[in-house]
Amino acid sequence: METLRQWILALDSVLGSAAYFPYLLLGTGLFFTLYLGFPQIRYFSHAWRVVRGKGKFDHSKLAGDTSHFQALSTALSGTVGTGNIGGVAFAIFLGGPAALFWMWMTAFFGMTTKFVEVTLSHKYRVKTTDGTMAGGPMYFMDRRLNMKWLAIIFAIATVISSFGTGSLPQINNIAQGMQASFGIEPMVTGGVLAVLLALVILGGIKRIAAVTSRIVPIMAVLYVLGALAVIAYNIENLLPSFLSVFEDAFTGSAAVGGFLGASFAYAFNRGVNRGLFSNEAGQGSAPIAHASAKADEPVSEGMVSILEPFIDTIIICTLTGMVILSSGVWTQKHNNEFDRSDMKYVAGQYNDVDEHDRVELGKFLNGQDSEVDTFTGTLIVADGRSMSGDATLIAARSVAENIEYRVGGVPFTGELAVEKGRLITPKQDGAPLSLTVWGDSLVHSARLTTIAFNQGYLGDYGQYVVSIGLLLFAFSTAIAWSYYGDRAMIYLVGVRGVMPYRVIYVSGFFWASFADTSLIWDLAAVAIVLMTLPNLFGLLMLSREMKQTVKDYWQKQSD
């Protein structure tokens, strides 16, 4: 598993984590924002009129499978998910308050990017042999750019991303939240929800749209009310928290508490990366849902999509971010079982109270030159406690404290090997021991958000808002992404590929309920970029056509 994770991280280093990627993503949104004259601002009110479907915007009798609102709900259900709960927490955990600023920037320019990709995808959609609509970037790449090879790459990446974005991280966060709040074993949660997922997606887009159009409004109201209960309780910290997002935006976030700091480059990269995971602007996923909408004007559906990053990131992600920042839990260490992928041993004794140690450890974690080096050697453990003084455990990017090694819940005694910072699982009679490592460290993802929601007027009941929110958000995301994947399969192999895909999709959904969380996030990050790069290329190639299409739309509106 560790070898697999290292391979995924190596791939991510030349894709989403590469220096060029955030600039390419934001640059594309900036280009279209200027080229089309700030459509995310000028067309915002028009978008609301279209989605309400009143008067001349009532397109119920036109070709398509869903209404504007249902298409928006399906696309929102695909974006409003773990990225809004676990993803924001993960971004702040990695980059501090500054990461939230770059999530906002990704959303603002992403509103224009999504407008462009949805319009072009709707324009070149097709009717399949089963009578339903199919669209997405692969169709304008094929039918307009005559680049079938690029369309195939995108479609394959969509299938991969449906697992890396829609199936695996969603159930992983649901299961984690349900276990933390209700003590339900992850495998049980995964099994029950896998059955429900299968029942929904077998009904196709009409059943998917019907379910998501009901879930999305309910889950949004529930989550917003819960977040406001925490923010109001910590109201004296709201303004300082909000200001810290801007103060650190171009300098990086300074060390505070157990947080060892993040450089500007690190916060920028992680903020943009998590922003994309949350609102998916530029990824090319939402256009697949919008292609099902009943409309004869592609631009009108593009208008509707402008609302997605606004609702998803500007509203919901901001609420999550303010809950985490104002409650202060993001700088505090909490007792937890460490994920192996979050653990790294460094040579020598370090602590986060000494200023010199904080600086050097911060450089080490942010990929900068540092005197800190990984540890290779042996740990002597007695009654669960390490007797070795020549190594420091970094867990979840913080100096771990009160560390205890257990086997089957019992304190471990013996020797543990560490190689290049990684703990090697000991064996007994040739079989690996079920070694777990517990202690105090920073936490991330849904676990961090759950702790933050307990710091408000709801007290410990706040965790249930996160658990239920995760359940609804993430499950609806998994539903939407199953549709994206099966439309990609239709493009690749035809309708016959849909059922095998759905079976594998549901199986992967179940498996991920009890898999390593960090591995899931790493896989999701790579899968997203495998879709985004071909999509951005296609959008830029059709920039002139997009501008003319918008001009023609407004000409018709004035006639």
Protein backbone atom coordinates (compact mmCIF):
# COMPACT_ATOMS: atom_id res chain seq x y z
CA MET A 1 0.00 0.00 0.00
CA GLU A 2 2.86 2.36 0.83
CA THR A 3 4.45 1.62 -2.56
CA LEU A 4 1.17 2.45 -4.27
CA ARG A 5 0.89 5.71 -2.35
CA GLN A 6 4.43 6.71 -3.31
CA TRP A 7 3.64 6.03 -6.97
CA ILE A 8 0.48 8.15 -6.76
CA LEU A 9 2.39 10.98 -5.05
CA ALA A 10 5.07 10.84 -7.75
CA LEU A 11 2.37 11.19 -10.41
CA ASP A 12 0.73 14.01 -8.47
CA SER A 13 4.09 15.83 -8.31
CA VAL A 14 4.02 16.36 -12.09
CA LEU A 15 0.26 17.04 -12.23
CA GLY A 16 -1.80 18.76 -9.54
CA SER A 17 1.09 19.51 -7.19
CA ALA A 18 3.33 20.79 -9.98
CA ALA A 19 4.11 24.51 -9.93
CA TYR A 20 2.41 25.18 -13.29
CA PHE A 21 -1.01 23.69 -12.48
CA PRO A 22 -2.52 26.39 -10.20
CA TYR A 23 -1.41 29.09 -12.65
CA LEU A 24 -2.92 27.21 -15.59
CA LEU A 25 -6.24 26.72 -13.80
CA LEU A 26 -6.54 30.27 -12.48
CA GLY A 27 -5.06 31.68 -15.67
CA THR A 28 -7.73 30.04 -17.82
CA GLY A 29 -10.48 31.44 -15.60
CA LEU A 30 -8.83 34.87 -15.61
CA PHE A 31 -8.47 34.83 -19.39
CA PHE A 32 -12.14 34.02 -20.01
CA THR A 33 -13.25 36.46 -17.31
CA LEU A 34 -11.49 39.30 -19.13
CA TYR A 35 -12.24 38.00 -22.64
CA LEU A 36 -15.99 37.68 -21.98
CA GLY A 37 -16.26 40.79 -19.81
CA PHE A 38 -16.78 39.39 -16.29
CA PRO A 39 -19.80 37.17 -17.04
CA GLN A 40 -19.85 35.85 -13.45
CA ILE A 41 -20.91 39.34 -12.37
CA ARG A 42 -22.89 40.64 -15.36
CA TYR A 43 -24.95 37.47 -15.88
CA PHE A 44 -25.46 36.50 -12.24
CA SER A 45 -29.04 37.76 -11.87
CA HIS A 46 -29.97 36.42 -15.33
CA ALA A 47 -28.76 32.98 -14.22
CA TRP A 48 -31.25 32.97 -11.33
CA ARG A 49 -34.10 33.84 -13.71
CA VAL A 50 -33.17 30.97 -16.00
CA VAL A 51 -32.94 28.40 -13.23
CA ARG A 52 -36.37 29.36 -11.90
CA GLY A 53 -37.74 28.45 -15.34
CA LYS A 54 -40.48 31.10 -15.44
CA GLY A 55 -42.04 32.66 -18.54
CA LYS A 56 -39.77 32.59 -21.58
CA PHE A 57 -37.28 30.50 -19.60
CA ASP A 58 -39.73 27.62 -19.26
CA HIS A 59 -38.11 24.98 -21.46
CA SER A 60 -40.06 21.97 -20.19
CA LYS A 61 -41.14 20.92 -23.69
CA LEU A 62 -37.70 21.05 -25.28
CA ALA A 63 -35.39 18.11 -25.92
CA GLY A 64 -33.59 16.83 -22.83
CA ASP A 65 -34.00 14.69 -19.73
CA THR A 66 -34.09 17.21 -16.86
CA SER A 67 -35.17 20.75 -15.99
CA HIS A 68 -32.64 23.55 -15.42
CA PHE A 69 -33.11 23.19 -11.67
CA GLN A 70 -32.66 19.42 -11.74
CA ALA A 71 -29.51 19.74 -13.86
CA LEU A 72 -28.17 22.35 -11.43
CA SER A 73 -29.06 20.13 -8.46
CA THR A 74 -27.36 17.12 -10.02
CA ALA A 75 -24.24 19.15 -10.80
CA LEU A 76 -24.28 20.69 -7.31
CA SER A 77 -24.68 17.27 -5.73
CA GLY A 78 -21.54 16.32 -7.62
CA THR A 79 -19.61 19.29 -6.23
CA VAL A 80 -21.14 19.88 -2.79
CA GLY A 81 -19.62 16.92 -0.99
CA THR A 82 -16.60 16.00 1.04
CA GLY A 83 -14.71 18.91 -0.54
CA ASN A 84 -16.94 21.28 1.43
CA ILE A 85 -16.52 19.45 4.73
CA GLY A 86 -13.33 17.41 4.64
CA GLY A 87 -11.66 19.24 1.73
CA VAL A 88 -11.74 22.69 3.32
CA ALA A 89 -10.41 21.23 6.57
CA PHE A 90 -7.66 19.48 4.65
CA ALA A 91 -6.71 22.71 2.84
CA ILE A 92 -6.49 24.67 6.11
CA PHE A 93 -4.58 21.80 7.74
CA LEU A 94 -2.02 21.95 4.90
CA GLY A 95 -1.83 25.66 4.16
CA GLY A 96 -3.48 27.53 7.05
CA PRO A 97 -5.92 30.43 6.53
CA ALA A 98 -4.16 31.47 3.31
CA ALA A 99 -5.39 28.32 1.58
CA LEU A 100 -9.00 29.50 1.98
CA PHE A 101 -8.22 32.71 0.08
CA TRP A 102 -6.99 30.72 -2.90
CA MET A 103 -10.06 28.52 -2.74
CA TRP A 104 -12.10 31.72 -3.13
CA MET A 105 -10.05 32.84 -6.12
CA THR A 106 -10.50 29.44 -7.73
CA ALA A 107 -14.26 29.80 -7.27
CA PHE A 108 -14.52 33.38 -8.57
CA PHE A 109 -12.66 32.70 -11.79
CA GLY A 110 -14.12 29.21 -11.86
CA MET A 111 -17.60 30.69 -12.28
CA THR A 112 -16.52 31.87 -15.73
CA THR A 113 -14.68 28.64 -16.56
CA LYS A 114 -17.77 26.62 -15.72
CA PHE A 115 -19.94 28.96 -17.83
CA VAL A 116 -17.68 28.26 -20.82
CA GLU A 117 -17.35 24.49 -20.41
CA VAL A 118 -21.08 23.94 -19.85
CA THR A 119 -22.10 26.09 -22.81
CA LEU A 120 -19.78 24.30 -25.23
CA SER A 121 -20.67 20.85 -23.90
CA HIS A 122 -24.40 21.50 -24.18
CA LYS A 123 -23.91 22.84 -27.71
CA TYR A 124 -22.35 19.59 -28.93
CA ARG A 125 -24.38 17.04 -26.95
CA VAL A 126 -25.92 14.02 -28.69
CA LYS A 127 -28.88 11.69 -28.20
CA THR A 128 -27.80 8.12 -27.38
CA THR A 129 -29.31 4.87 -28.65
CA ASP A 130 -31.35 4.53 -25.45
CA GLY A 131 -32.98 7.93 -26.07
CA THR A 132 -31.16 9.90 -23.34
CA MET A 133 -28.85 12.85 -23.82
CA ALA A 134 -25.08 12.55 -23.53
CA GLY A 135 -22.68 15.46 -23.44
CA GLY A 136 -19.49 16.73 -21.94
CA PRO A 137 -16.10 18.00 -23.09
CA MET A 138 -15.38 14.74 -24.94
CA TYR A 139 -18.13 15.61 -27.41
CA PHE A 140 -16.88 19.09 -28.33
CA MET A 141 -13.35 17.69 -28.53
CA ASP A 142 -14.58 15.06 -30.98
CA ARG A 143 -17.35 16.82 -32.94
CA ARG A 144 -15.88 20.33 -33.09
CA LEU A 145 -12.12 20.07 -32.62
CA ASN A 146 -11.85 16.78 -34.52
CA MET A 147 -9.53 15.52 -31.80
CA LYS A 148 -10.97 12.12 -31.05
CA TRP A 149 -7.73 11.08 -29.36
CA LEU A 150 -8.10 13.93 -26.87
CA ALA A 151 -11.75 13.07 -26.32
CA ILE A 152 -10.78 9.48 -25.53
CA ILE A 153 -8.16 10.65 -23.02
CA PHE A 154 -10.74 12.85 -21.34
CA ALA A 155 -13.38 10.11 -21.24
CA ILE A 156 -10.95 7.60 -19.73
CA ALA A 157 -9.87 10.21 -17.19
CA THR A 158 -13.56 10.81 -16.36
CA VAL A 159 -14.08 7.14 -15.58
CA ILE A 160 -10.96 7.12 -13.37
CA SER A 161 -12.01 10.37 -11.73
CA SER A 162 -15.49 9.04 -11.01
CA PHE A 163 -13.76 6.72 -8.57
CA GLY A 164 -11.10 9.17 -7.39
CA THR A 165 -13.61 11.99 -6.87
CA GLY A 166 -17.08 10.54 -6.68
CA SER A 167 -16.92 7.09 -5.18
CA LEU A 168 -13.82 6.56 -3.05
CA PRO A 169 -13.31 9.77 -1.00
CA GLN A 170 -17.05 10.28 -0.50
CA ILE A 171 -17.81 7.01 1.27
CA ASN A 172 -14.47 7.19 3.07
CA ASN A 173 -15.48 10.45 4.72
CA ILE A 174 -19.02 9.24 5.41
CA ALA A 175 -17.74 6.11 7.13
CA GLN A 176 -15.19 8.10 9.14
CA GLY A 177 -17.85 10.54 10.32
CA MET A 178 -20.39 7.84 11.18
CA GLN A 179 -17.82 5.92 13.20
CA ALA A 180 -16.73 9.05 15.10
CA SER A 181 -20.28 10.15 15.89
CA PHE A 182 -22.26 6.91 16.23
CA GLY A 183 -19.62 4.19 16.61
CA ILE A 184 -20.78 2.42 13.44
CA GLU A 185 -18.11 0.26 11.83
CA PRO A 186 -16.99 1.66 8.43
CA MET A 187 -17.67 -1.64 6.67
CA VAL A 188 -21.28 -1.60 7.86
CA THR A 189 -21.79 1.97 6.65
CA GLY A 190 -20.19 1.11 3.33
CA GLY A 191 -22.33 -1.99 2.84
CA VAL A 192 -25.66 -0.28 3.55
CA LEU A 193 -24.94 2.78 1.42
CA ALA A 194 -23.54 0.68 -1.43
CA VAL A 195 -26.91 -1.06 -1.69
CA LEU A 196 -28.77 2.28 -1.66
CA LEU A 197 -26.38 3.70 -4.25
CA ALA A 198 -27.05 0.77 -6.56
CA LEU A 199 -30.82 1.23 -6.24
CA VAL A 200 -30.58 4.90 -7.23
CA ILE A 201 -28.13 4.77 -10.13
CA LEU A 202 -29.84 1.84 -11.83
CA GLY A 203 -32.73 4.23 -12.53
CA GLY A 204 -30.61 6.46 -14.76
CA ILE A 205 -30.53 10.25 -14.96
CA LYS A 206 -34.24 10.83 -14.30
CA ARG A 207 -34.13 8.99 -10.98
CA ILE A 208 -30.76 10.56 -10.16
CA ALA A 209 -32.11 14.05 -10.87
CA ALA A 210 -35.26 13.38 -8.84
CA VAL A 211 -33.25 12.24 -5.81
CA THR A 212 -30.60 14.97 -5.94
CA SER A 213 -33.12 17.80 -6.45
CA ARG A 214 -34.64 16.82 -3.11
CA ILE A 215 -31.43 16.12 -1.19
CA VAL A 216 -29.47 19.24 -2.17
CA PRO A 217 -31.80 21.91 -0.65
CA ILE A 218 -32.29 19.92 2.56
CA MET A 219 -28.62 19.27 3.13
CA ALA A 220 -27.65 22.88 2.38
CA VAL A 221 -30.10 24.35 4.92
CA LEU A 222 -29.11 21.84 7.62
CA TYR A 223 -25.40 22.48 7.18
CA VAL A 224 -25.70 26.28 7.04
CA LEU A 225 -27.72 26.40 10.28
CA GLY A 226 -25.22 24.15 12.06
CA ALA A 227 -22.28 26.26 10.88
CA LEU A 228 -23.92 29.50 11.99
CA ALA A 229 -24.44 28.02 15.47
CA VAL A 230 -20.66 27.60 15.80
CA ILE A 231 -19.72 30.92 14.23
CA ALA A 232 -22.17 32.83 16.45
CA TYR A 233 -20.77 31.10 19.55
CA ASN A 234 -17.22 32.16 18.59
CA ILE A 235 -18.27 35.52 17.15
CA GLU A 236 -15.36 37.39 18.80
CA ASN A 237 -12.95 35.30 16.70
CA LEU A 238 -14.80 35.75 13.41
CA LEU A 239 -13.27 39.04 12.28
CA PRO A 240 -9.67 38.05 13.18
CA SER A 241 -10.19 34.72 11.40
CA PHE A 242 -11.60 36.41 8.32
CA LEU A 243 -8.77 38.94 8.21
CA SER A 244 -6.12 36.23 8.60
CA VAL A 245 -7.27 34.72 5.31
CA PHE A 246 -6.28 37.94 3.51
CA GLU A 247 -3.26 38.80 5.65
CA ASP A 248 -1.59 35.47 4.93
CA ALA A 249 -2.68 35.16 1.28
CA PHE A 250 0.59 36.35 -0.27
CA THR A 251 3.00 35.49 2.54
CA GLY A 252 1.89 32.03 3.62
CA SER A 253 0.50 31.13 7.04
CA ALA A 254 2.75 31.55 10.08
CA ALA A 255 3.27 28.86 12.71
CA VAL A 256 0.77 28.93 15.57
CA GLY A 257 0.00 26.32 18.21
CA GLY A 258 0.67 22.85 16.80
CA PHE A 259 0.55 24.21 13.22
CA LEU A 260 4.13 24.50 11.95
CA GLY A 261 3.42 27.04 9.22
CA ALA A 262 2.99 26.94 5.45
CA SER A 263 4.91 28.83 2.78
CA PHE A 264 3.10 30.96 0.19
CA ALA A 265 3.79 28.41 -2.55
CA TYR A 266 2.44 25.57 -0.42
CA ALA A 267 -0.71 27.42 0.66
CA PHE A 268 -1.34 28.67 -2.89
CA ASN A 269 -0.95 25.24 -4.43
CA ARG A 270 -3.07 23.46 -1.82
CA GLY A 271 -5.76 26.12 -1.83
CA VAL A 272 -6.19 26.01 -5.60
CA ASN A 273 -6.02 22.22 -5.59
CA ARG A 274 -8.67 21.87 -2.88
CA GLY A 275 -10.77 24.60 -4.53
CA LEU A 276 -10.86 22.58 -7.72
CA PHE A 277 -11.78 19.44 -5.79
CA SER A 278 -14.66 21.35 -4.19
CA ASN A 279 -16.26 23.21 -7.11
CA GLU A 280 -14.76 21.25 -10.06
CA ALA A 281 -14.64 24.37 -12.26
CA GLY A 282 -12.44 23.52 -15.22
CA GLN A 283 -12.53 19.81 -14.53
CA GLY A 284 -15.25 19.16 -17.11
CA SER A 285 -17.51 17.09 -14.88
CA ALA A 286 -20.52 19.39 -14.36
CA PRO A 287 -21.04 19.88 -18.14
CA ILE A 288 -21.98 16.19 -18.33
CA ALA A 289 -24.92 16.80 -15.97
CA HIS A 290 -25.94 20.06 -17.64
CA ALA A 291 -25.99 18.39 -21.05
CA SER A 292 -29.13 16.56 -19.92
CA ALA A 293 -31.07 19.81 -19.41
CA LYS A 294 -34.05 20.73 -21.56
CA ALA A 295 -32.86 23.78 -23.48
CA ASP A 296 -32.39 24.86 -27.08
CA GLU A 297 -29.91 27.61 -26.16
CA PRO A 298 -26.60 26.23 -24.80
CA VAL A 299 -25.74 29.62 -23.30
CA SER A 300 -28.83 29.57 -21.08
CA GLU A 301 -27.59 26.36 -19.46
CA GLY A 302 -24.14 27.88 -19.19
CA MET A 303 -25.72 30.75 -17.26
CA VAL A 304 -27.18 28.30 -14.76
CA SER A 305 -23.76 26.78 -14.10
CA ILE A 306 -22.34 30.16 -12.99
CA LEU A 307 -24.22 29.63 -9.73
CA GLU A 308 -22.43 26.40 -8.85
CA PRO A 309 -19.01 27.67 -7.66
CA PHE A 310 -20.77 30.53 -5.89
CA ILE A 311 -23.02 28.23 -3.86
CA ASP A 312 -20.42 25.52 -3.42
CA THR A 313 -17.31 27.50 -2.51
CA ILE A 314 -18.16 31.14 -1.83
CA ILE A 315 -21.00 30.17 0.52
CA ILE A 316 -20.62 26.62 1.86
CA CYS A 317 -16.82 26.32 1.89
CA THR A 318 -16.52 29.74 3.49
CA LEU A 319 -18.87 28.70 6.28
CA THR A 320 -16.79 25.57 6.90
CA GLY A 321 -13.59 27.60 6.88
CA MET A 322 -14.92 30.15 9.37
CA VAL A 323 -16.15 27.38 11.67
CA ILE A 324 -12.67 25.81 11.72
CA LEU A 325 -10.74 29.08 12.04
CA SER A 326 -12.97 30.82 14.58
CA SER A 327 -13.14 27.74 16.83
CA GLY A 328 -9.33 27.52 16.85
CA VAL A 329 -9.27 23.72 16.61
CA TRP A 330 -7.04 23.74 13.53
CA THR A 331 -3.99 24.68 15.66
CA GLN A 332 -4.78 22.27 18.50
CA LYS A 333 -3.58 18.70 18.96
CA HIS A 334 -6.18 16.00 19.54
CA ASN A 335 -5.87 12.39 20.67
CA ASN A 336 -6.33 10.06 17.73
CA GLU A 337 -5.06 6.96 15.98
CA PHE A 338 -2.43 8.04 13.48
CA ASP A 339 -2.76 7.06 9.83
CA ARG A 340 0.50 5.44 8.75
CA SER A 341 0.62 7.66 5.67
CA ASP A 342 0.50 10.73 7.97
CA MET A 343 3.49 9.52 10.02
CA LYS A 344 7.14 10.32 9.46
CA TYR A 345 10.07 9.93 11.85
CA VAL A 346 12.86 12.51 11.75
CA ALA A 347 16.34 12.13 13.22
CA GLY A 348 16.95 13.90 16.52
CA GLN A 349 14.74 15.45 19.16
CA TYR A 350 12.51 18.36 18.12
CA ASN A 351 9.58 20.17 19.72
CA ASP A 352 7.18 22.85 18.54
CA VAL A 353 7.87 25.20 21.46
CA ASP A 354 11.45 25.98 20.50
CA GLU A 355 11.45 28.66 17.77
CA HIS A 356 14.45 27.17 15.94
CA ASP A 357 12.81 23.75 15.84
CA ARG A 358 9.53 25.22 14.57
CA VAL A 359 11.26 27.01 11.72
CA GLU A 360 13.30 23.99 10.61
CA LEU A 361 10.38 21.58 10.87
CA GLY A 362 8.19 24.02 8.93
CA LYS A 363 10.76 24.17 6.14
CA PHE A 364 10.99 20.38 6.12
CA LEU A 365 7.22 19.93 5.82
CA ASN A 366 6.92 22.58 3.10
CA GLY A 367 9.59 20.98 0.91
CA GLN A 368 12.22 23.65 1.57
CA ASP A 369 15.89 23.19 2.46
CA SER A 370 16.15 22.25 6.12
CA GLU A 371 18.53 20.72 8.60
CA VAL A 372 15.86 18.13 9.42
CA ASP A 373 16.38 14.66 7.97
CA THR A 374 14.38 11.45 8.05
CA PHE A 375 15.25 8.77 10.59
CA THR A 376 16.39 5.24 9.87
CA GLY A 377 17.01 2.91 12.78
CA THR A 378 15.35 0.99 15.60
CA LEU A 379 12.89 2.16 18.27
CA ILE A 380 12.97 0.42 21.64
CA VAL A 381 9.40 0.28 22.98
CA ALA A 382 8.38 -0.77 26.52
CA ASP A 383 4.76 -0.98 27.64
CA GLY A 384 3.66 1.03 24.61
CA ARG A 385 6.13 3.88 25.11
CA SER A 386 9.25 4.55 23.07
CA MET A 387 12.47 4.53 25.08
CA SER A 388 14.51 5.84 22.12
CA GLY A 389 15.60 9.45 22.24
CA ASP A 390 17.14 9.79 18.80
CA ALA A 391 13.95 10.21 16.76
CA THR A 392 10.89 12.51 16.68
CA LEU A 393 7.55 11.42 15.26
CA ILE A 394 5.82 13.89 12.96
CA ALA A 395 2.14 12.95 12.70
CA ALA A 396 -0.30 14.92 10.55
CA ARG A 397 2.32 17.65 9.96
CA SER A 398 2.78 18.26 13.72
CA VAL A 399 5.07 17.04 16.48
CA ALA A 400 3.29 14.03 17.99
CA GLU A 401 2.91 13.86 21.76
CA ASN A 402 1.87 11.17 24.27
CA ILE A 403 2.61 8.45 21.74
CA GLU A 404 1.51 4.89 22.48
CA TYR A 405 2.10 1.77 20.40
CA ARG A 406 -0.56 -0.93 20.65
CA VAL A 407 -1.14 -4.40 19.25
CA GLY A 408 -4.72 -5.58 19.50
CA GLY A 409 -5.43 -2.75 21.92
CA VAL A 410 -2.65 -3.88 24.30
CA PRO A 411 0.52 -1.77 24.85
CA PHE A 412 3.37 -3.13 22.73
CA THR A 413 6.81 -4.09 24.03
CA GLY A 414 9.69 -4.83 21.68
CA GLU A 415 11.67 -3.31 18.83
CA LEU A 416 10.27 -1.40 15.86
CA ALA A 417 12.21 -0.76 12.66
CA VAL A 418 12.04 2.60 10.89
CA GLU A 419 13.33 3.05 7.35
CA LYS A 420 13.67 6.49 5.77
CA GLY A 421 11.12 7.89 8.20
CA ARG A 422 8.53 5.15 7.69
CA LEU A 423 7.53 2.68 10.39
CA ILE A 424 7.90 -0.96 9.32
CA THR A 425 5.10 -3.20 10.62
CA PRO A 426 6.61 -5.91 12.83
CA LYS A 427 5.87 -9.58 12.26
CA GLN A 428 5.31 -12.53 14.52
CA ASP A 429 5.68 -16.07 13.15
CA GLY A 430 5.80 -14.57 9.67
CA ALA A 431 2.48 -12.69 10.00
CA PRO A 432 2.26 -8.88 10.38
CA LEU A 433 1.07 -7.62 13.75
CA SER A 434 -1.97 -5.35 13.98
CA LEU A 435 0.11 -2.45 15.26
CA THR A 436 -1.64 0.88 15.85
CA VAL A 437 -0.06 4.15 16.94
CA TRP A 438 -2.01 6.58 19.13
CA GLY A 439 -1.20 10.02 20.45
CA ASP A 440 -1.86 13.75 20.25
CA SER A 441 -1.43 15.56 16.92
CA LEU A 442 -3.19 17.88 14.57
CA VAL A 443 -6.05 16.25 12.69
CA HIS A 444 -7.46 16.90 9.23
CA SER A 445 -10.30 16.22 6.80
CA ALA A 446 -13.76 15.42 8.19
CA ARG A 447 -12.36 14.66 11.65
CA LEU A 448 -11.19 18.27 12.02
CA THR A 449 -14.53 19.69 10.86
CA THR A 450 -16.37 17.39 13.26
CA ILE A 451 -14.32 18.66 16.22
CA ALA A 452 -14.91 22.27 15.13
CA PHE A 453 -18.69 21.82 14.97
CA ASN A 454 -18.66 20.75 18.64
CA GLN A 455 -17.31 24.18 19.64
CA GLY A 456 -20.66 26.00 19.36
CA TYR A 457 -24.14 26.35 20.82
CA LEU A 458 -24.95 22.76 19.88
CA GLY A 459 -22.06 21.43 21.98
CA ASP A 460 -21.27 17.80 21.32
CA TYR A 461 -24.41 17.55 19.19
CA GLY A 462 -22.62 19.61 16.56
CA GLN A 463 -20.81 16.50 15.38
CA TYR A 464 -24.12 15.07 14.25
CA VAL A 465 -24.60 18.00 11.86
CA VAL A 466 -21.30 17.02 10.23
CA SER A 467 -22.15 13.33 10.22
CA ILE A 468 -25.57 13.83 8.66
CA GLY A 469 -24.23 16.54 6.36
CA LEU A 470 -21.45 14.24 5.22
CA LEU A 471 -23.92 11.46 4.69
CA LEU A 472 -26.17 13.59 2.48
CA PHE A 473 -23.45 15.61 0.76
CA ALA A 474 -21.14 12.74 -0.01
CA PHE A 475 -23.81 10.23 -0.94
CA SER A 476 -25.39 12.65 -3.42
CA THR A 477 -21.92 13.32 -4.87
CA ALA A 478 -21.39 9.60 -5.40
CA ILE A 479 -24.76 9.45 -7.18
CA ALA A 480 -23.89 12.31 -9.53
CA TRP A 481 -20.45 10.97 -10.36
CA SER A 482 -21.85 7.58 -11.28
CA TYR A 483 -23.74 9.39 -14.03
CA TYR A 484 -20.60 11.19 -15.21
CA GLY A 485 -18.79 7.89 -15.43
CA ASP A 486 -21.51 6.06 -17.31
CA ARG A 487 -21.80 8.89 -19.87
CA ALA A 488 -18.04 8.56 -20.42
CA MET A 489 -18.45 4.81 -20.84
CA ILE A 490 -21.15 5.41 -23.45
CA TYR A 491 -18.74 7.59 -25.40
CA LEU A 492 -15.96 5.01 -25.15
CA VAL A 493 -17.75 1.71 -25.77
CA GLY A 494 -21.46 2.44 -26.14
CA VAL A 495 -24.46 1.68 -23.92
CA ARG A 496 -23.23 -1.89 -23.32
CA GLY A 497 -20.47 -0.55 -21.07
CA VAL A 498 -22.81 1.14 -18.59
CA MET A 499 -23.89 -1.84 -16.48
CA PRO A 500 -20.39 -3.34 -15.92
CA TYR A 501 -19.19 0.14 -14.98
CA ARG A 502 -21.97 0.58 -12.42
CA VAL A 503 -21.18 -2.76 -10.78
CA ILE A 504 -17.49 -1.86 -10.43
CA TYR A 505 -18.41 1.64 -9.24
CA VAL A 506 -20.60 0.33 -6.42
CA SER A 507 -17.95 -2.26 -5.46
CA GLY A 508 -15.28 0.45 -5.23
CA PHE A 509 -17.65 2.56 -3.16
CA PHE A 510 -17.92 -0.25 -0.61
CA TRP A 511 -14.17 -0.94 -0.51
CA ALA A 512 -13.26 2.70 0.11
CA SER A 513 -15.36 2.81 3.28
CA PHE A 514 -12.55 1.13 5.21
CA ALA A 515 -9.44 2.22 3.23
CA ASP A 516 -6.67 4.62 4.30
CA THR A 517 -7.95 8.23 4.12
CA SER A 518 -4.73 9.84 2.94
CA LEU A 519 -4.39 7.37 0.08
CA ILE A 520 -7.95 8.22 -1.01
CA TRP A 521 -7.24 11.95 -1.06
CA ASP A 522 -4.01 11.42 -3.00
CA LEU A 523 -5.81 9.33 -5.62
CA ALA A 524 -8.57 11.94 -5.92
CA ALA A 525 -6.04 14.73 -6.49
CA VAL A 526 -4.44 12.86 -9.39
CA ALA A 527 -7.74 11.82 -10.98
CA ILE A 528 -9.03 15.39 -11.00
CA VAL A 529 -6.05 16.72 -12.93
CA LEU A 530 -6.26 13.90 -15.48
CA MET A 531 -9.61 15.39 -16.51
CA THR A 532 -8.76 19.04 -16.08
CA LEU A 533 -5.73 19.36 -18.35
CA PRO A 534 -7.44 18.07 -21.56
CA ASN A 535 -10.56 20.09 -20.75
CA LEU A 536 -8.72 23.39 -20.30
CA PHE A 537 -6.88 22.82 -23.57
CA GLY A 538 -10.17 22.29 -25.40
CA LEU A 539 -11.78 25.38 -23.87
CA LEU A 540 -8.92 27.63 -24.89
CA MET A 541 -9.01 26.26 -28.43
CA LEU A 542 -12.69 27.27 -28.71
CA SER A 543 -12.45 30.71 -27.08
CA ARG A 544 -13.49 32.62 -30.22
CA GLU A 545 -16.46 30.37 -30.84
CA MET A 546 -17.54 30.82 -27.22
CA LYS A 547 -17.52 34.58 -27.53
CA GLN A 548 -19.59 34.46 -30.73
CA THR A 549 -22.04 31.99 -29.18
CA VAL A 550 -22.66 34.35 -26.25
CA LYS A 551 -23.08 37.30 -28.63
CA ASP A 552 -25.65 35.37 -30.67
CA TYR A 553 -27.56 34.44 -27.52
CA TRP A 554 -27.98 38.03 -26.40
CA GLN A 555 -28.97 39.05 -29.91
CA LYS A 556 -31.80 36.51 -29.80
CA GLN A 557 -32.84 37.71 -26.34
CA SER A 558 -33.21 41.26 -27.63
CA ASP A 559 -35.24 40.26 -30.70
